[in-house]
Amino acid sequence: MFSRFGRSREPSPQRLDDGRSRDADGRAALDAEIDAIEAAALGTYVLHGLPGAMGHYQRADSHSPWERLDDALTPEQRWALVAESPAGQGRRFASSVDLGVESPVPEVRRAAAVLAACRGLRQRLAESAGFTAQDLADAIQLGAAARRLDGQDEPTSQEPAD
């Protein structure tokens, strides 16, 4: 019954012929898909004047460009920068995931949501020993959202029948 969907009726071995585990191979494939989805979302950022690389950013005020912080900074060092910034002068700090959250452009807000979903899925996969049904549902929804970002899967409006 499952063979037409690509699944064999016979129990499959736990290791592929070259010694890699199926789980590791599947995670690598999922990581590659998440990378591609993040790249599409970051491409949307670039089209709208936001940075196109994952990382942490700062800017002096709402009219200044975002400047990437050094990747070597620890979370404590980034918090020290926040604490040292003059209050009330508009200096902002954000991760690349958060840069588009408050954008007036819906496409940029969707890209920010996709980046946040990618981050969440990566965190759960890193913490979890197994892949849950919720992880699978999130991955499927993430793929659909990425297609919408690329314009490949635009929802169509259907006129109601008279």
N, C-alpha and C. Protein backbone atom coordinates (compact mmCIF):
# COMPACT_ATOMS: atom_id res chain seq x y z
N MET A 1 0.81 -1.18 0.00
CA MET A 1 0.00 0.00 0.00
C MET A 1 0.86 1.26 0.00
N PHE A 2 1.92 1.28 0.77
CA PHE A 2 2.75 2.47 0.84
C PHE A 2 3.75 2.58 -0.31
N SER A 3 3.95 1.49 -1.08
CA SER A 3 5.00 1.52 -2.09
C SER A 3 4.77 2.59 -3.15
N ARG A 4 3.54 2.90 -3.47
CA ARG A 4 3.32 3.94 -4.49
C ARG A 4 3.65 5.33 -3.95
N PHE A 5 3.77 5.49 -2.67
CA PHE A 5 4.14 6.77 -2.07
C PHE A 5 5.63 6.81 -1.72
N GLY A 6 6.38 5.86 -2.21
CA GLY A 6 7.81 5.87 -1.98
C GLY A 6 8.27 5.09 -0.76
N ARG A 7 7.37 4.41 -0.09
CA ARG A 7 7.74 3.63 1.08
C ARG A 7 7.67 2.16 0.73
N SER A 8 8.65 1.45 1.12
CA SER A 8 8.72 0.03 0.86
C SER A 8 7.91 -0.74 1.89
N ARG A 9 7.41 -1.88 1.50
CA ARG A 9 6.69 -2.73 2.45
C ARG A 9 7.67 -3.46 3.37
N GLU A 10 8.88 -3.58 2.92
CA GLU A 10 9.90 -4.28 3.70
C GLU A 10 10.50 -3.33 4.72
N PRO A 11 10.86 -3.83 5.91
CA PRO A 11 11.52 -2.96 6.88
C PRO A 11 12.84 -2.45 6.30
N SER A 12 13.08 -1.17 6.47
CA SER A 12 14.31 -0.60 5.90
C SER A 12 15.44 -0.67 6.92
N PRO A 13 16.66 -0.80 6.45
CA PRO A 13 17.80 -0.81 7.37
C PRO A 13 17.97 0.56 8.01
N GLN A 14 18.55 0.61 9.19
CA GLN A 14 18.77 1.86 9.90
C GLN A 14 19.92 2.67 9.30
N ARG A 15 20.77 2.02 8.55
CA ARG A 15 21.92 2.71 7.96
C ARG A 15 21.83 2.65 6.44
N LEU A 16 22.24 3.71 5.80
CA LEU A 16 22.34 3.71 4.36
C LEU A 16 23.58 2.94 3.95
N ASP A 17 23.73 2.65 2.68
CA ASP A 17 24.86 1.85 2.21
C ASP A 17 26.20 2.47 2.55
N ASP A 18 26.29 3.78 2.61
CA ASP A 18 27.58 4.41 2.88
C ASP A 18 27.83 4.65 4.37
N GLY A 19 27.00 4.11 5.24
CA GLY A 19 27.24 4.19 6.67
C GLY A 19 26.57 5.36 7.38
N ARG A 20 25.96 6.29 6.64
CA ARG A 20 25.28 7.41 7.28
C ARG A 20 23.96 6.91 7.87
N SER A 21 23.55 7.49 8.96
CA SER A 21 22.26 7.10 9.50
C SER A 21 21.16 7.83 8.74
N ARG A 22 20.00 7.23 8.63
CA ARG A 22 18.87 7.87 7.95
C ARG A 22 18.46 9.14 8.69
N ASP A 23 18.55 9.12 10.01
CA ASP A 23 18.17 10.29 10.80
C ASP A 23 19.10 11.46 10.49
N ALA A 24 20.40 11.21 10.47
CA ALA A 24 21.37 12.27 10.19
C ALA A 24 21.19 12.79 8.78
N ASP A 25 20.94 11.90 7.83
CA ASP A 25 20.73 12.29 6.45
C ASP A 25 19.46 13.15 6.32
N GLY A 26 18.42 12.76 7.04
CA GLY A 26 17.17 13.52 7.02
C GLY A 26 17.33 14.90 7.65
N ARG A 27 18.06 14.96 8.75
CA ARG A 27 18.30 16.26 9.39
C ARG A 27 19.13 17.18 8.50
N ALA A 28 20.10 16.61 7.81
CA ALA A 28 20.92 17.42 6.89
C ALA A 28 20.05 17.97 5.76
N ALA A 29 19.15 17.14 5.25
CA ALA A 29 18.25 17.60 4.19
C ALA A 29 17.31 18.68 4.72
N LEU A 30 16.80 18.51 5.93
CA LEU A 30 15.92 19.51 6.52
C LEU A 30 16.67 20.82 6.77
N ASP A 31 17.91 20.72 7.26
CA ASP A 31 18.73 21.92 7.45
C ASP A 31 18.92 22.67 6.13
N ALA A 32 19.16 21.92 5.06
CA ALA A 32 19.35 22.55 3.74
C ALA A 32 18.07 23.25 3.30
N GLU A 33 16.92 22.64 3.55
CA GLU A 33 15.64 23.27 3.19
C GLU A 33 15.41 24.54 4.01
N ILE A 34 15.71 24.49 5.30
CA ILE A 34 15.55 25.67 6.15
C ILE A 34 16.49 26.77 5.69
N ASP A 35 17.72 26.40 5.31
CA ASP A 35 18.67 27.39 4.78
C ASP A 35 18.09 28.09 3.55
N ALA A 36 17.48 27.31 2.64
CA ALA A 36 16.91 27.88 1.41
C ALA A 36 15.74 28.81 1.73
N ILE A 37 14.93 28.42 2.70
CA ILE A 37 13.78 29.26 3.09
C ILE A 37 14.28 30.56 3.72
N GLU A 38 15.29 30.47 4.58
CA GLU A 38 15.86 31.68 5.18
C GLU A 38 16.44 32.60 4.10
N ALA A 39 17.09 32.01 3.11
CA ALA A 39 17.68 32.81 2.02
C ALA A 39 16.58 33.56 1.25
N ALA A 40 15.45 32.90 1.03
CA ALA A 40 14.34 33.57 0.33
C ALA A 40 13.80 34.73 1.16
N ALA A 41 13.65 34.52 2.47
CA ALA A 41 13.14 35.58 3.35
C ALA A 41 14.14 36.73 3.43
N LEU A 42 15.43 36.41 3.52
CA LEU A 42 16.45 37.46 3.55
C LEU A 42 16.51 38.21 2.22
N GLY A 43 16.21 37.53 1.13
CA GLY A 43 16.12 38.18 -0.18
C GLY A 43 15.02 39.23 -0.20
N THR A 44 13.91 38.93 0.46
CA THR A 44 12.83 39.91 0.59
C THR A 44 13.30 41.11 1.39
N TYR A 45 14.04 40.85 2.47
CA TYR A 45 14.61 41.94 3.26
C TYR A 45 15.45 42.86 2.37
N VAL A 46 16.35 42.28 1.59
CA VAL A 46 17.26 43.07 0.76
C VAL A 46 16.47 43.92 -0.24
N LEU A 47 15.42 43.34 -0.82
CA LEU A 47 14.60 44.10 -1.77
C LEU A 47 13.98 45.34 -1.14
N HIS A 48 13.84 45.33 0.17
CA HIS A 48 13.22 46.44 0.87
C HIS A 48 14.19 47.21 1.76
N GLY A 49 15.50 47.08 1.46
CA GLY A 49 16.50 47.90 2.12
C GLY A 49 16.97 47.43 3.49
N LEU A 50 16.65 46.21 3.86
CA LEU A 50 17.13 45.66 5.14
C LEU A 50 18.32 44.74 4.88
N PRO A 51 19.13 44.50 5.90
CA PRO A 51 20.30 43.61 5.72
C PRO A 51 19.88 42.20 5.31
N GLY A 52 20.71 41.59 4.49
CA GLY A 52 20.40 40.26 3.97
C GLY A 52 21.22 39.14 4.57
N ALA A 53 21.74 39.35 5.77
CA ALA A 53 22.53 38.30 6.43
C ALA A 53 22.00 38.09 7.85
N MET A 54 22.01 36.85 8.28
CA MET A 54 21.60 36.54 9.64
C MET A 54 22.64 37.11 10.60
N GLY A 55 22.17 37.61 11.75
CA GLY A 55 23.08 38.15 12.75
C GLY A 55 22.37 39.14 13.64
N HIS A 56 23.14 39.88 14.41
CA HIS A 56 22.61 40.92 15.30
C HIS A 56 23.04 42.27 14.77
N TYR A 57 22.14 43.26 14.90
CA TYR A 57 22.35 44.57 14.29
C TYR A 57 22.08 45.68 15.29
N GLN A 58 22.62 46.87 14.96
CA GLN A 58 22.34 48.07 15.72
C GLN A 58 22.21 49.23 14.74
N ARG A 59 21.54 50.29 15.16
CA ARG A 59 21.53 51.53 14.38
C ARG A 59 21.32 52.70 15.34
N ALA A 60 21.83 53.84 14.94
CA ALA A 60 21.81 55.02 15.81
C ALA A 60 20.40 55.58 16.00
N ASP A 61 19.60 55.56 14.96
CA ASP A 61 18.22 56.06 15.04
C ASP A 61 17.41 55.44 13.90
N SER A 62 16.15 55.80 13.82
CA SER A 62 15.28 55.16 12.83
C SER A 62 15.62 55.53 11.39
N HIS A 63 16.47 56.53 11.18
CA HIS A 63 16.84 56.94 9.82
C HIS A 63 18.21 56.42 9.40
N SER A 64 18.95 55.85 10.33
CA SER A 64 20.29 55.33 10.04
C SER A 64 20.21 53.90 9.53
N PRO A 65 21.21 53.49 8.75
CA PRO A 65 21.21 52.09 8.29
C PRO A 65 21.58 51.14 9.43
N TRP A 66 21.13 49.91 9.32
CA TRP A 66 21.48 48.89 10.30
C TRP A 66 22.94 48.50 10.10
N GLU A 67 23.68 48.38 11.19
CA GLU A 67 25.08 47.94 11.16
C GLU A 67 25.16 46.59 11.87
N ARG A 68 25.82 45.65 11.23
CA ARG A 68 25.94 44.31 11.81
C ARG A 68 26.95 44.32 12.94
N LEU A 69 26.57 43.69 14.05
CA LEU A 69 27.48 43.51 15.17
C LEU A 69 28.38 42.30 14.90
N ASP A 70 29.53 42.31 15.48
CA ASP A 70 30.48 41.22 15.32
C ASP A 70 29.87 39.92 15.85
N ASP A 71 29.97 38.87 15.06
CA ASP A 71 29.43 37.56 15.47
C ASP A 71 30.11 37.01 16.71
N ALA A 72 31.32 37.48 16.98
CA ALA A 72 32.08 36.97 18.13
C ALA A 72 31.58 37.54 19.46
N LEU A 73 30.71 38.57 19.40
CA LEU A 73 30.19 39.14 20.65
C LEU A 73 29.32 38.12 21.37
N THR A 74 29.51 38.01 22.66
CA THR A 74 28.68 37.11 23.46
C THR A 74 27.36 37.82 23.77
N PRO A 75 26.35 37.08 24.19
CA PRO A 75 25.10 37.74 24.59
C PRO A 75 25.33 38.79 25.68
N GLU A 76 26.24 38.52 26.60
CA GLU A 76 26.54 39.49 27.66
C GLU A 76 27.13 40.77 27.09
N GLN A 77 28.00 40.65 26.10
CA GLN A 77 28.60 41.83 25.47
C GLN A 77 27.55 42.62 24.69
N ARG A 78 26.63 41.92 24.04
CA ARG A 78 25.55 42.64 23.32
C ARG A 78 24.67 43.38 24.31
N TRP A 79 24.35 42.77 25.45
CA TRP A 79 23.54 43.45 26.47
C TRP A 79 24.29 44.65 27.04
N ALA A 80 25.60 44.55 27.16
CA ALA A 80 26.38 45.69 27.64
C ALA A 80 26.27 46.86 26.66
N LEU A 81 26.26 46.58 25.36
CA LEU A 81 26.06 47.64 24.37
C LEU A 81 24.70 48.32 24.54
N VAL A 82 23.69 47.51 24.79
CA VAL A 82 22.35 48.06 25.02
C VAL A 82 22.35 48.96 26.25
N ALA A 83 22.96 48.47 27.32
CA ALA A 83 22.99 49.23 28.58
C ALA A 83 23.79 50.53 28.44
N GLU A 84 24.84 50.51 27.62
CA GLU A 84 25.70 51.69 27.44
C GLU A 84 25.10 52.73 26.50
N SER A 85 24.11 52.35 25.70
CA SER A 85 23.57 53.30 24.73
C SER A 85 22.78 54.39 25.44
N PRO A 86 22.91 55.64 24.98
CA PRO A 86 22.23 56.76 25.64
C PRO A 86 20.71 56.60 25.57
N ALA A 87 20.07 56.75 26.70
CA ALA A 87 18.61 56.62 26.76
C ALA A 87 17.95 57.75 25.98
N GLY A 88 16.88 57.42 25.28
CA GLY A 88 16.09 58.43 24.60
C GLY A 88 16.67 58.93 23.29
N GLN A 89 17.78 58.39 22.83
CA GLN A 89 18.36 58.87 21.59
C GLN A 89 18.04 57.97 20.40
N GLY A 90 17.23 56.97 20.60
CA GLY A 90 16.74 56.16 19.50
C GLY A 90 17.62 55.03 19.03
N ARG A 91 18.73 54.76 19.71
CA ARG A 91 19.58 53.64 19.29
C ARG A 91 18.77 52.36 19.43
N ARG A 92 18.85 51.53 18.40
CA ARG A 92 18.09 50.30 18.38
C ARG A 92 19.01 49.12 18.17
N PHE A 93 18.61 47.99 18.74
CA PHE A 93 19.33 46.73 18.58
C PHE A 93 18.30 45.67 18.19
N ALA A 94 18.67 44.78 17.27
CA ALA A 94 17.73 43.73 16.86
C ALA A 94 18.50 42.59 16.21
N SER A 95 17.90 41.42 16.27
CA SER A 95 18.45 40.30 15.49
C SER A 95 17.86 40.42 14.09
N SER A 96 18.47 39.77 13.13
CA SER A 96 17.97 39.83 11.76
C SER A 96 16.53 39.33 11.68
N VAL A 97 16.18 38.40 12.54
CA VAL A 97 14.82 37.88 12.56
C VAL A 97 13.81 38.98 12.89
N ASP A 98 14.21 39.91 13.74
CA ASP A 98 13.29 40.94 14.22
C ASP A 98 13.27 42.22 13.39
N LEU A 99 14.19 42.36 12.44
CA LEU A 99 14.31 43.61 11.69
C LEU A 99 13.04 43.99 10.94
N GLY A 100 12.34 43.02 10.40
CA GLY A 100 11.17 43.33 9.57
C GLY A 100 9.84 43.26 10.28
N VAL A 101 9.83 42.97 11.56
CA VAL A 101 8.57 42.75 12.29
C VAL A 101 7.63 43.95 12.23
N GLU A 102 8.17 45.15 12.35
CA GLU A 102 7.33 46.34 12.39
C GLU A 102 7.30 47.09 11.07
N SER A 103 7.71 46.47 10.01
CA SER A 103 7.74 47.12 8.70
C SER A 103 6.32 47.47 8.24
N PRO A 104 6.17 48.59 7.54
CA PRO A 104 4.86 48.91 6.97
C PRO A 104 4.53 48.04 5.74
N VAL A 105 5.51 47.29 5.25
CA VAL A 105 5.34 46.46 4.06
C VAL A 105 4.95 45.03 4.48
N PRO A 106 3.76 44.58 4.09
CA PRO A 106 3.31 43.23 4.49
C PRO A 106 4.27 42.12 4.09
N GLU A 107 4.88 42.23 2.92
CA GLU A 107 5.82 41.22 2.44
C GLU A 107 7.01 41.09 3.39
N VAL A 108 7.48 42.21 3.92
CA VAL A 108 8.62 42.20 4.85
C VAL A 108 8.19 41.59 6.18
N ARG A 109 6.99 41.91 6.64
CA ARG A 109 6.49 41.30 7.89
C ARG A 109 6.36 39.79 7.73
N ARG A 110 5.90 39.33 6.56
CA ARG A 110 5.81 37.87 6.31
C ARG A 110 7.20 37.25 6.32
N ALA A 111 8.18 37.93 5.72
CA ALA A 111 9.55 37.41 5.71
C ALA A 111 10.08 37.30 7.14
N ALA A 112 9.78 38.30 7.98
CA ALA A 112 10.21 38.25 9.39
C ALA A 112 9.55 37.07 10.10
N ALA A 113 8.28 36.82 9.82
CA ALA A 113 7.58 35.68 10.44
C ALA A 113 8.20 34.36 9.99
N VAL A 114 8.57 34.27 8.72
CA VAL A 114 9.20 33.06 8.21
C VAL A 114 10.56 32.84 8.88
N LEU A 115 11.34 33.91 9.03
CA LEU A 115 12.63 33.79 9.71
C LEU A 115 12.45 33.35 11.16
N ALA A 116 11.45 33.89 11.83
CA ALA A 116 11.19 33.49 13.21
C ALA A 116 10.79 32.02 13.28
N ALA A 117 9.98 31.57 12.33
CA ALA A 117 9.58 30.16 12.30
C ALA A 117 10.78 29.26 12.04
N CYS A 118 11.67 29.68 11.16
CA CYS A 118 12.90 28.91 10.89
C CYS A 118 13.73 28.79 12.16
N ARG A 119 13.90 29.91 12.85
CA ARG A 119 14.69 29.90 14.09
C ARG A 119 14.06 28.96 15.11
N GLY A 120 12.75 29.04 15.28
CA GLY A 120 12.07 28.18 16.24
C GLY A 120 12.19 26.70 15.90
N LEU A 121 12.03 26.37 14.62
CA LEU A 121 12.15 24.98 14.21
C LEU A 121 13.58 24.48 14.42
N ARG A 122 14.57 25.29 14.09
CA ARG A 122 15.97 24.89 14.31
C ARG A 122 16.24 24.65 15.80
N GLN A 123 15.72 25.54 16.65
CA GLN A 123 15.95 25.38 18.09
C GLN A 123 15.31 24.10 18.61
N ARG A 124 14.08 23.82 18.18
CA ARG A 124 13.42 22.60 18.65
C ARG A 124 14.13 21.35 18.15
N LEU A 125 14.60 21.39 16.92
CA LEU A 125 15.31 20.23 16.38
C LEU A 125 16.65 20.01 17.10
N ALA A 126 17.31 21.09 17.49
CA ALA A 126 18.59 20.97 18.20
C ALA A 126 18.38 20.44 19.61
N GLU A 127 17.28 20.79 20.24
CA GLU A 127 17.01 20.38 21.62
C GLU A 127 16.39 18.99 21.70
N SER A 128 15.71 18.58 20.67
CA SER A 128 14.92 17.37 20.71
C SER A 128 15.72 16.17 20.21
N ALA A 129 15.49 15.05 20.85
CA ALA A 129 16.13 13.82 20.41
C ALA A 129 15.41 13.24 19.20
N GLY A 130 14.14 13.50 19.08
CA GLY A 130 13.35 12.97 17.98
C GLY A 130 12.59 14.06 17.25
N PHE A 131 12.03 13.70 16.13
CA PHE A 131 11.27 14.62 15.30
C PHE A 131 9.80 14.38 15.61
N THR A 132 9.10 15.41 16.08
CA THR A 132 7.71 15.25 16.49
C THR A 132 6.76 15.57 15.35
N ALA A 133 5.53 15.20 15.52
CA ALA A 133 4.49 15.52 14.54
C ALA A 133 4.35 17.04 14.40
N GLN A 134 4.50 17.77 15.51
CA GLN A 134 4.41 19.23 15.44
C GLN A 134 5.56 19.81 14.62
N ASP A 135 6.76 19.23 14.75
CA ASP A 135 7.89 19.68 13.94
C ASP A 135 7.60 19.48 12.46
N LEU A 136 7.01 18.34 12.12
CA LEU A 136 6.66 18.06 10.73
C LEU A 136 5.62 19.06 10.23
N ALA A 137 4.59 19.32 11.04
CA ALA A 137 3.56 20.29 10.65
C ALA A 137 4.18 21.68 10.45
N ASP A 138 5.07 22.07 11.35
CA ASP A 138 5.74 23.37 11.23
C ASP A 138 6.58 23.44 9.96
N ALA A 139 7.29 22.35 9.65
CA ALA A 139 8.13 22.33 8.45
C ALA A 139 7.27 22.45 7.18
N ILE A 140 6.12 21.79 7.16
CA ILE A 140 5.23 21.87 6.01
C ILE A 140 4.68 23.28 5.87
N GLN A 141 4.25 23.87 6.98
CA GLN A 141 3.73 25.25 6.93
C GLN A 141 4.81 26.23 6.52
N LEU A 142 6.03 25.99 6.96
CA LEU A 142 7.16 26.85 6.61
C LEU A 142 7.42 26.78 5.11
N GLY A 143 7.35 25.60 4.54
CA GLY A 143 7.52 25.45 3.09
C GLY A 143 6.45 26.20 2.32
N ALA A 144 5.21 26.13 2.77
CA ALA A 144 4.12 26.85 2.11
C ALA A 144 4.34 28.36 2.22
N ALA A 145 4.77 28.82 3.38
CA ALA A 145 5.02 30.26 3.57
C ALA A 145 6.17 30.72 2.68
N ALA A 146 7.19 29.89 2.52
CA ALA A 146 8.32 30.26 1.67
C ALA A 146 7.89 30.35 0.21
N ARG A 147 7.02 29.45 -0.23
CA ARG A 147 6.50 29.52 -1.60
C ARG A 147 5.74 30.82 -1.82
N ARG A 148 4.98 31.25 -0.82
CA ARG A 148 4.26 32.52 -0.94
C ARG A 148 5.24 33.69 -1.01
N LEU A 149 6.34 33.62 -0.27
CA LEU A 149 7.35 34.67 -0.34
C LEU A 149 7.93 34.78 -1.74
N ASP A 150 8.17 33.64 -2.35
CA ASP A 150 8.74 33.61 -3.70
C ASP A 150 7.70 33.88 -4.77
N GLY A 151 6.42 33.99 -4.37
CA GLY A 151 5.35 34.23 -5.34
C GLY A 151 4.98 33.00 -6.13
N GLN A 152 5.42 31.82 -5.71
CA GLN A 152 5.13 30.60 -6.43
C GLN A 152 3.76 30.04 -6.11
N ASP A 153 3.22 30.44 -4.99
CA ASP A 153 1.98 29.82 -4.52
C ASP A 153 1.02 30.91 -4.05
N GLU A 154 0.77 31.89 -4.91
CA GLU A 154 -0.12 32.98 -4.52
C GLU A 154 -1.53 32.45 -4.34
N PRO A 155 -2.17 32.81 -3.22
CA PRO A 155 -3.56 32.37 -3.06
C PRO A 155 -4.41 33.06 -4.11
N THR A 156 -5.33 32.32 -4.67
CA THR A 156 -6.22 32.91 -5.65
C THR A 156 -7.58 33.12 -5.03
N SER A 157 -8.20 34.23 -5.41
CA SER A 157 -9.55 34.47 -4.88
C SER A 157 -10.53 33.92 -5.88
N GLN A 158 -11.49 33.21 -5.39
CA GLN A 158 -12.51 32.62 -6.26
C GLN A 158 -13.80 33.38 -6.05
N GLU A 159 -14.43 33.70 -7.16
CA GLU A 159 -15.71 34.39 -7.10
C GLU A 159 -16.77 33.39 -6.66
N PRO A 160 -17.68 33.82 -5.78
CA PRO A 160 -18.74 32.90 -5.37
C PRO A 160 -19.67 32.62 -6.55
N ALA A 161 -20.13 31.40 -6.58
CA ALA A 161 -21.06 30.99 -7.65
C ALA A 161 -22.43 31.62 -7.38
N ASP A 162 -23.07 32.04 -8.48
CA ASP A 162 -24.41 32.66 -8.33
C ASP A 162 -25.49 31.62 -8.24
